[in-house]
Amino acid sequence: YLGLEYRIKEIPLVIGLDYKPFFEIAPH
């Protein structure tokens, strides 16, 4: 997980842009 988040002061809103590479495994 890597990202950048911006917390807006005037309103309770958070905007984030992220990069979330992953590896997964299943039976097949």
PDB file of all heavy atoms in Angstrom:
ATOM      1  N   TYR A   1       0.827  -1.204   0.000  1.00  0.00           N
ATOM      2  CA  TYR A   1       0.000   0.000   0.000  1.00  0.00           C
ATOM      3  C   TYR A   1       0.865   1.260   0.000  1.00  0.00           C
ATOM      4  O   TYR A   1       1.737   1.417   0.859  1.00  0.00           O
ATOM      5  CB  TYR A   1      -0.903   0.006   1.235  1.00  0.00           C
ATOM      6  CG  TYR A   1      -1.968   1.062   1.212  1.00  0.00           C
ATOM      7  CD1 TYR A   1      -3.179   0.832   0.588  1.00  0.00           C
ATOM      8  CD2 TYR A   1      -1.760   2.300   1.814  1.00  0.00           C
ATOM      9  CE1 TYR A   1      -4.162   1.811   0.562  1.00  0.00           C
ATOM     10  CE2 TYR A   1      -2.730   3.281   1.787  1.00  0.00           C
ATOM     11  CZ  TYR A   1      -3.931   3.019   1.158  1.00  0.00           C
ATOM     12  OH  TYR A   1      -4.899   3.988   1.123  1.00  0.00           O
ATOM     13  N   LEU A   2       0.639   2.145  -0.966  1.00  0.00           N
ATOM     14  CA  LEU A   2       1.251   3.474  -1.036  1.00  0.00           C
ATOM     15  C   LEU A   2       0.166   4.457  -1.430  1.00  0.00           C
ATOM     16  O   LEU A   2      -0.678   4.131  -2.276  1.00  0.00           O
ATOM     17  CB  LEU A   2       2.368   3.527  -2.081  1.00  0.00           C
ATOM     18  CG  LEU A   2       3.618   2.721  -1.805  1.00  0.00           C
ATOM     19  CD1 LEU A   2       4.541   2.760  -3.026  1.00  0.00           C
ATOM     20  CD2 LEU A   2       4.354   3.268  -0.596  1.00  0.00           C
ATOM     21  N   GLY A   3       0.168   5.648  -0.846  1.00  0.00           N
ATOM     22  CA  GLY A   3      -0.869   6.589  -1.217  1.00  0.00           C
ATOM     23  C   GLY A   3      -0.606   8.001  -0.744  1.00  0.00           C
ATOM     24  O   GLY A   3       0.372   8.277  -0.035  1.00  0.00           O
ATOM     25  N   LEU A   4      -1.501   8.874  -1.150  1.00  0.00           N
ATOM     26  CA  LEU A   4      -1.506  10.267  -0.744  1.00  0.00           C
ATOM     27  C   LEU A   4      -2.933  10.603  -0.338  1.00  0.00           C
ATOM     28  O   LEU A   4      -3.881  10.285  -1.060  1.00  0.00           O
ATOM     29  CB  LEU A   4      -1.053  11.177  -1.888  1.00  0.00           C
ATOM     30  CG  LEU A   4      -0.980  12.666  -1.585  1.00  0.00           C
ATOM     31  CD1 LEU A   4       0.112  12.948  -0.550  1.00  0.00           C
ATOM     32  CD2 LEU A   4      -0.690  13.447  -2.866  1.00  0.00           C
ATOM     33  N   GLU A   5      -3.078  11.235   0.827  1.00  0.00           N
ATOM     34  CA  GLU A   5      -4.399  11.566   1.365  1.00  0.00           C
ATOM     35  C   GLU A   5      -4.461  13.070   1.629  1.00  0.00           C
ATOM     36  O   GLU A   5      -3.481  13.666   2.069  1.00  0.00           O
ATOM     37  CB  GLU A   5      -4.596  10.792   2.665  1.00  0.00           C
ATOM     38  CG  GLU A   5      -5.889  11.025   3.368  1.00  0.00           C
ATOM     39  CD  GLU A   5      -6.010  10.154   4.600  1.00  0.00           C
ATOM     40  OE1 GLU A   5      -5.548  10.568   5.672  1.00  0.00           O
ATOM     41  OE2 GLU A   5      -6.566   9.049   4.475  1.00  0.00           O
ATOM     42  N   TYR A   6      -5.626  13.662   1.362  1.00  0.00           N
ATOM     43  CA  TYR A   6      -5.839  15.071   1.683  1.00  0.00           C
ATOM     44  C   TYR A   6      -7.059  15.187   2.582  1.00  0.00           C
ATOM     45  O   TYR A   6      -8.144  14.730   2.234  1.00  0.00           O
ATOM     46  CB  TYR A   6      -6.036  15.909   0.425  1.00  0.00           C
ATOM     47  CG  TYR A   6      -6.258  17.369   0.732  1.00  0.00           C
ATOM     48  CD1 TYR A   6      -5.270  18.124   1.359  1.00  0.00           C
ATOM     49  CD2 TYR A   6      -7.454  17.992   0.430  1.00  0.00           C
ATOM     50  CE1 TYR A   6      -5.465  19.461   1.663  1.00  0.00           C
ATOM     51  CE2 TYR A   6      -7.670  19.329   0.720  1.00  0.00           C
ATOM     52  CZ  TYR A   6      -6.664  20.053   1.336  1.00  0.00           C
ATOM     53  OH  TYR A   6      -6.852  21.371   1.644  1.00  0.00           O
ATOM     54  N   ARG A   7      -6.862  15.801   3.743  1.00  0.00           N
ATOM     55  CA  ARG A   7      -7.941  16.004   4.715  1.00  0.00           C
ATOM     56  C   ARG A   7      -8.419  17.451   4.579  1.00  0.00           C
ATOM     57  O   ARG A   7      -7.692  18.384   4.914  1.00  0.00           O
ATOM     58  CB  ARG A   7      -7.439  15.747   6.124  1.00  0.00           C
ATOM     59  CG  ARG A   7      -6.891  14.350   6.295  1.00  0.00           C
ATOM     60  CD  ARG A   7      -6.199  14.173   7.616  1.00  0.00           C
ATOM     61  NE  ARG A   7      -5.548  12.864   7.657  1.00  0.00           N
ATOM     62  CZ  ARG A   7      -4.748  12.480   8.631  1.00  0.00           C
ATOM     63  NH1 ARG A   7      -4.507  13.276   9.651  1.00  0.00           N
ATOM     64  NH2 ARG A   7      -4.196  11.293   8.591  1.00  0.00           N
ATOM     65  N   ILE A   8      -9.632  17.640   4.118  1.00  0.00           N
ATOM     66  CA  ILE A   8     -10.187  18.972   3.919  1.00  0.00           C
ATOM     67  C   ILE A   8     -10.571  19.541   5.280  1.00  0.00           C
ATOM     68  O   ILE A   8     -11.308  18.911   6.038  1.00  0.00           O
ATOM     69  CB  ILE A   8     -11.394  18.918   2.961  1.00  0.00           C
ATOM     70  CG1 ILE A   8     -10.949  18.348   1.617  1.00  0.00           C
ATOM     71  CG2 ILE A   8     -12.010  20.299   2.792  1.00  0.00           C
ATOM     72  CD1 ILE A   8     -12.082  18.082   0.657  1.00  0.00           C
ATOM     73  N   LYS A   9     -10.070  20.736   5.587  1.00  0.00           N
ATOM     74  CA  LYS A   9     -10.300  21.336   6.910  1.00  0.00           C
ATOM     75  C   LYS A   9     -11.738  21.770   7.123  1.00  0.00           C
ATOM     76  O   LYS A   9     -12.304  21.586   8.186  1.00  0.00           O
ATOM     77  CB  LYS A   9      -9.406  22.568   7.099  1.00  0.00           C
ATOM     78  CG  LYS A   9      -7.967  22.281   7.298  1.00  0.00           C
ATOM     79  CD  LYS A   9      -7.238  23.562   7.626  1.00  0.00           C
ATOM     80  CE  LYS A   9      -6.123  23.782   6.650  1.00  0.00           C
ATOM     81  NZ  LYS A   9      -5.371  24.989   6.898  1.00  0.00           N
ATOM     82  N   GLU A  10     -12.335  22.389   6.113  1.00  0.00           N
ATOM     83  CA  GLU A  10     -13.640  23.018   6.262  1.00  0.00           C
ATOM     84  C   GLU A  10     -14.788  22.027   6.385  1.00  0.00           C
ATOM     85  O   GLU A  10     -15.826  22.340   6.956  1.00  0.00           O
ATOM     86  CB  GLU A  10     -13.922  23.957   5.079  1.00  0.00           C
ATOM     87  CG  GLU A  10     -12.996  25.148   5.007  1.00  0.00           C
ATOM     88  CD  GLU A  10     -11.619  24.803   4.425  1.00  0.00           C
ATOM     89  OE1 GLU A  10     -11.487  23.760   3.756  1.00  0.00           O
ATOM     90  OE2 GLU A  10     -10.677  25.582   4.662  1.00  0.00           O
ATOM     91  N   ILE A  11     -14.634  20.857   5.808  1.00  0.00           N
ATOM     92  CA  ILE A  11     -15.671  19.830   5.866  1.00  0.00           C
ATOM     93  C   ILE A  11     -15.014  18.508   6.265  1.00  0.00           C
ATOM     94  O   ILE A  11     -13.822  18.322   6.053  1.00  0.00           O
ATOM     95  CB  ILE A  11     -16.429  19.689   4.521  1.00  0.00           C
ATOM     96  CG1 ILE A  11     -15.452  19.362   3.381  1.00  0.00           C
ATOM     97  CG2 ILE A  11     -17.224  20.935   4.221  1.00  0.00           C
ATOM     98  CD1 ILE A  11     -16.122  19.095   2.058  1.00  0.00           C
ATOM     99  N   PRO A  12     -15.751  17.594   6.842  1.00  0.00           N
ATOM    100  CA  PRO A  12     -15.141  16.335   7.313  1.00  0.00           C
ATOM    101  C   PRO A  12     -14.959  15.313   6.187  1.00  0.00           C
ATOM    102  O   PRO A  12     -15.456  14.193   6.248  1.00  0.00           O
ATOM    103  CB  PRO A  12     -16.136  15.848   8.364  1.00  0.00           C
ATOM    104  CG  PRO A  12     -17.442  16.352   7.874  1.00  0.00           C
ATOM    105  CD  PRO A  12     -17.149  17.701   7.258  1.00  0.00           C
ATOM    106  N   LEU A  13     -14.251  15.712   5.143  1.00  0.00           N
ATOM    107  CA  LEU A  13     -14.054  14.854   3.983  1.00  0.00           C
ATOM    108  C   LEU A  13     -12.567  14.577   3.794  1.00  0.00           C
ATOM    109  O   LEU A  13     -11.731  15.473   3.947  1.00  0.00           O
ATOM    110  CB  LEU A  13     -14.622  15.529   2.729  1.00  0.00           C
ATOM    111  CG  LEU A  13     -14.633  14.707   1.456  1.00  0.00           C
ATOM    112  CD1 LEU A  13     -15.583  13.515   1.595  1.00  0.00           C
ATOM    113  CD2 LEU A  13     -15.063  15.570   0.281  1.00  0.00           C
ATOM    114  N   VAL A  14     -12.245  13.337   3.442  1.00  0.00           N
ATOM    115  CA  VAL A  14     -10.878  12.909   3.160  1.00  0.00           C
ATOM    116  C   VAL A  14     -10.875  12.335   1.752  1.00  0.00           C
ATOM    117  O   VAL A  14     -11.706  11.499   1.413  1.00  0.00           O
ATOM    118  CB  VAL A  14     -10.410  11.835   4.167  1.00  0.00           C
ATOM    119  CG1 VAL A  14      -9.011  11.355   3.833  1.00  0.00           C
ATOM    120  CG2 VAL A  14     -10.485  12.350   5.584  1.00  0.00           C
ATOM    121  N   ILE A  15      -9.929  12.805   0.933  1.00  0.00           N
ATOM    122  CA  ILE A  15      -9.778  12.311  -0.433  1.00  0.00           C
ATOM    123  C   ILE A  15      -8.437  11.618  -0.514  1.00  0.00           C
ATOM    124  O   ILE A  15      -7.414  12.170  -0.079  1.00  0.00           O
ATOM    125  CB  ILE A  15      -9.849  13.459  -1.454  1.00  0.00           C
ATOM    126  CG1 ILE A  15     -11.189  14.178  -1.350  1.00  0.00           C
ATOM    127  CG2 ILE A  15      -9.622  12.941  -2.868  1.00  0.00           C
ATOM    128  CD1 ILE A  15     -11.259  15.459  -2.141  1.00  0.00           C
ATOM    129  N   GLY A  16      -8.409  10.416  -1.044  1.00  0.00           N
ATOM    130  CA  GLY A  16      -7.163   9.666  -1.130  1.00  0.00           C
ATOM    131  C   GLY A  16      -6.945   9.049  -2.496  1.00  0.00           C
ATOM    132  O   GLY A  16      -7.897   8.649  -3.179  1.00  0.00           O
ATOM    133  N   LEU A  17      -5.700   8.995  -2.902  1.00  0.00           N
ATOM    134  CA  LEU A  17      -5.287   8.314  -4.121  1.00  0.00           C
ATOM    135  C   LEU A  17      -4.244   7.298  -3.697  1.00  0.00           C
ATOM    136  O   LEU A  17      -3.274   7.649  -3.012  1.00  0.00           O
ATOM    137  CB  LEU A  17      -4.690   9.311  -5.118  1.00  0.00           C
ATOM    138  CG  LEU A  17      -4.230   8.742  -6.456  1.00  0.00           C
ATOM    139  CD1 LEU A  17      -5.419   8.174  -7.227  1.00  0.00           C
ATOM    140  CD2 LEU A  17      -3.560   9.835  -7.274  1.00  0.00           C
ATOM    141  N   ASP A  18      -4.454   6.020  -4.056  1.00  0.00           N
ATOM    142  CA  ASP A  18      -3.532   4.997  -3.584  1.00  0.00           C
ATOM    143  C   ASP A  18      -3.209   3.966  -4.641  1.00  0.00           C
ATOM    144  O   ASP A  18      -3.901   3.842  -5.645  1.00  0.00           O
ATOM    145  CB  ASP A  18      -4.077   4.320  -2.317  1.00  0.00           C
ATOM    146  CG  ASP A  18      -5.382   3.598  -2.550  1.00  0.00           C
ATOM    147  OD1 ASP A  18      -5.392   2.618  -3.316  1.00  0.00           O
ATOM    148  OD2 ASP A  18      -6.385   3.993  -1.953  1.00  0.00           O
ATOM    149  N   TYR A  19      -2.137   3.243  -4.376  1.00  0.00           N
ATOM    150  CA  TYR A  19      -1.652   2.151  -5.212  1.00  0.00           C
ATOM    151  C   TYR A  19      -1.536   0.934  -4.294  1.00  0.00           C
ATOM    152  O   TYR A  19      -0.860   0.991  -3.270  1.00  0.00           O
ATOM    153  CB  TYR A  19      -0.295   2.529  -5.799  1.00  0.00           C
ATOM    154  CG  TYR A  19       0.405   1.422  -6.531  1.00  0.00           C
ATOM    155  CD1 TYR A  19      -0.159   0.835  -7.659  1.00  0.00           C
ATOM    156  CD2 TYR A  19       1.644   0.964  -6.106  1.00  0.00           C
ATOM    157  CE1 TYR A  19       0.493  -0.173  -8.343  1.00  0.00           C
ATOM    158  CE2 TYR A  19       2.304  -0.053  -6.779  1.00  0.00           C
ATOM    159  CZ  TYR A  19       1.727  -0.611  -7.901  1.00  0.00           C
ATOM    160  OH  TYR A  19       2.371  -1.619  -8.577  1.00  0.00           O
ATOM    161  N   LYS A  20      -2.261  -0.149  -4.648  1.00  0.00           N
ATOM    162  CA  LYS A  20      -2.354  -1.317  -3.774  1.00  0.00           C
ATOM    163  C   LYS A  20      -2.087  -2.610  -4.564  1.00  0.00           C
ATOM    164  O   LYS A  20      -3.011  -3.366  -4.862  1.00  0.00           O
ATOM    165  CB  LYS A  20      -3.732  -1.345  -3.117  1.00  0.00           C
ATOM    166  CG  LYS A  20      -3.846  -2.315  -1.954  1.00  0.00           C
ATOM    167  CD  LYS A  20      -5.214  -2.276  -1.333  1.00  0.00           C
ATOM    168  CE  LYS A  20      -6.250  -2.975  -2.144  1.00  0.00           C
ATOM    169  NZ  LYS A  20      -5.996  -4.372  -2.454  1.00  0.00           N
ATOM    170  N   PRO A  21      -0.812  -2.869  -4.908  1.00  0.00           N
ATOM    171  CA  PRO A  21      -0.535  -4.131  -5.604  1.00  0.00           C
ATOM    172  C   PRO A  21      -0.749  -5.319  -4.671  1.00  0.00           C
ATOM    173  O   PRO A  21      -0.618  -5.188  -3.460  1.00  0.00           O
ATOM    174  CB  PRO A  21       0.943  -3.996  -5.996  1.00  0.00           C
ATOM    175  CG  PRO A  21       1.512  -3.088  -4.971  1.00  0.00           C
ATOM    176  CD  PRO A  21       0.406  -2.124  -4.613  1.00  0.00           C
ATOM    177  N   PHE A  22      -1.107  -6.461  -5.256  1.00  0.00           N
ATOM    178  CA  PHE A  22      -1.329  -7.632  -4.408  1.00  0.00           C
ATOM    179  C   PHE A  22      -0.959  -8.924  -5.122  1.00  0.00           C
ATOM    180  O   PHE A  22      -0.917  -8.983  -6.347  1.00  0.00           O
ATOM    181  CB  PHE A  22      -2.773  -7.689  -3.893  1.00  0.00           C
ATOM    182  CG  PHE A  22      -3.834  -7.800  -4.955  1.00  0.00           C
ATOM    183  CD1 PHE A  22      -4.206  -9.028  -5.471  1.00  0.00           C
ATOM    184  CD2 PHE A  22      -4.470  -6.673  -5.423  1.00  0.00           C
ATOM    185  CE1 PHE A  22      -5.192  -9.134  -6.428  1.00  0.00           C
ATOM    186  CE2 PHE A  22      -5.468  -6.755  -6.378  1.00  0.00           C
ATOM    187  CZ  PHE A  22      -5.827  -7.994  -6.885  1.00  0.00           C
ATOM    188  N   PHE A  23      -0.696  -9.934  -4.321  1.00  0.00           N
ATOM    189  CA  PHE A  23      -0.485 -11.307  -4.777  1.00  0.00           C
ATOM    190  C   PHE A  23      -1.557 -12.143  -4.108  1.00  0.00           C
ATOM    191  O   PHE A  23      -1.836 -11.975  -2.921  1.00  0.00           O
ATOM    192  CB  PHE A  23       0.903 -11.804  -4.362  1.00  0.00           C
ATOM    193  CG  PHE A  23       1.082 -13.287  -4.553  1.00  0.00           C
ATOM    194  CD1 PHE A  23       1.333 -13.808  -5.807  1.00  0.00           C
ATOM    195  CD2 PHE A  23       0.971 -14.152  -3.478  1.00  0.00           C
ATOM    196  CE1 PHE A  23       1.490 -15.176  -5.988  1.00  0.00           C
ATOM    197  CE2 PHE A  23       1.129 -15.526  -3.638  1.00  0.00           C
ATOM    198  CZ  PHE A  23       1.384 -16.027  -4.906  1.00  0.00           C
ATOM    199  N   GLU A  24      -2.172 -13.055  -4.871  1.00  0.00           N
ATOM    200  CA  GLU A  24      -3.164 -13.937  -4.246  1.00  0.00           C
ATOM    201  C   GLU A  24      -3.030 -15.348  -4.793  1.00  0.00           C
ATOM    202  O   GLU A  24      -2.505 -15.574  -5.880  1.00  0.00           O
ATOM    203  CB  GLU A  24      -4.587 -13.405  -4.401  1.00  0.00           C
ATOM    204  CG  GLU A  24      -5.101 -13.300  -5.784  1.00  0.00           C
ATOM    205  CD  GLU A  24      -6.459 -12.605  -5.810  1.00  0.00           C
ATOM    206  OE1 GLU A  24      -6.776 -11.807  -4.929  1.00  0.00           O
ATOM    207  OE2 GLU A  24      -7.199 -12.884  -6.764  1.00  0.00           O
ATOM    208  N   ILE A  25      -3.546 -16.264  -3.987  1.00  0.00           N
ATOM    209  CA  ILE A  25      -3.478 -17.677  -4.329  1.00  0.00           C
ATOM    210  C   ILE A  25      -4.830 -18.322  -4.014  1.00  0.00           C
ATOM    211  O   ILE A  25      -5.497 -17.946  -3.054  1.00  0.00           O
ATOM    212  CB  ILE A  25      -2.320 -18.370  -3.561  1.00  0.00           C
ATOM    213  CG1 ILE A  25      -2.122 -19.791  -4.052  1.00  0.00           C
ATOM    214  CG2 ILE A  25      -2.527 -18.297  -2.068  1.00  0.00           C
ATOM    215  CD1 ILE A  25      -0.838 -20.423  -3.567  1.00  0.00           C
ATOM    216  N   ALA A  26      -5.212 -19.257  -4.873  1.00  0.00           N
ATOM    217  CA  ALA A  26      -6.463 -20.007  -4.719  1.00  0.00           C
ATOM    218  C   ALA A  26      -6.176 -21.452  -5.110  1.00  0.00           C
ATOM    219  O   ALA A  26      -5.085 -21.759  -5.605  1.00  0.00           O
ATOM    220  CB  ALA A  26      -7.545 -19.397  -5.602  1.00  0.00           C
ATOM    221  N   PRO A  27      -7.136 -22.352  -4.911  1.00  0.00           N
ATOM    222  CA  PRO A  27      -6.876 -23.759  -5.243  1.00  0.00           C
ATOM    223  C   PRO A  27      -6.438 -24.000  -6.691  1.00  0.00           C
ATOM    224  O   PRO A  27      -5.639 -24.892  -6.949  1.00  0.00           O
ATOM    225  CB  PRO A  27      -8.218 -24.439  -4.967  1.00  0.00           C
ATOM    226  CG  PRO A  27      -8.841 -23.599  -3.922  1.00  0.00           C
ATOM    227  CD  PRO A  27      -8.427 -22.191  -4.235  1.00  0.00           C
ATOM    228  N   HIS A  28      -6.902 -23.191  -7.642  1.00  0.00           N
ATOM    229  CA  HIS A  28      -6.588 -23.437  -9.051  1.00  0.00           C
ATOM    230  C   HIS A  28      -5.734 -22.357  -9.695  1.00  0.00           C
ATOM    231  O   HIS A  28      -5.541 -22.397 -10.899  1.00  0.00           O
ATOM    232  CB  HIS A  28      -7.885 -23.582  -9.860  1.00  0.00           C
ATOM    233  CG  HIS A  28      -8.684 -24.775  -9.459  1.00  0.00           C
ATOM    234  ND1 HIS A  28      -8.303 -26.056  -9.761  1.00  0.00           N
ATOM    235  CD2 HIS A  28      -9.828 -24.892  -8.759  1.00  0.00           C
ATOM    236  CE1 HIS A  28      -9.190 -26.906  -9.279  1.00  0.00           C
ATOM    237  NE2 HIS A  28     -10.124 -26.222  -8.656  1.00  0.00           N
TER     238      HIS A  28
END
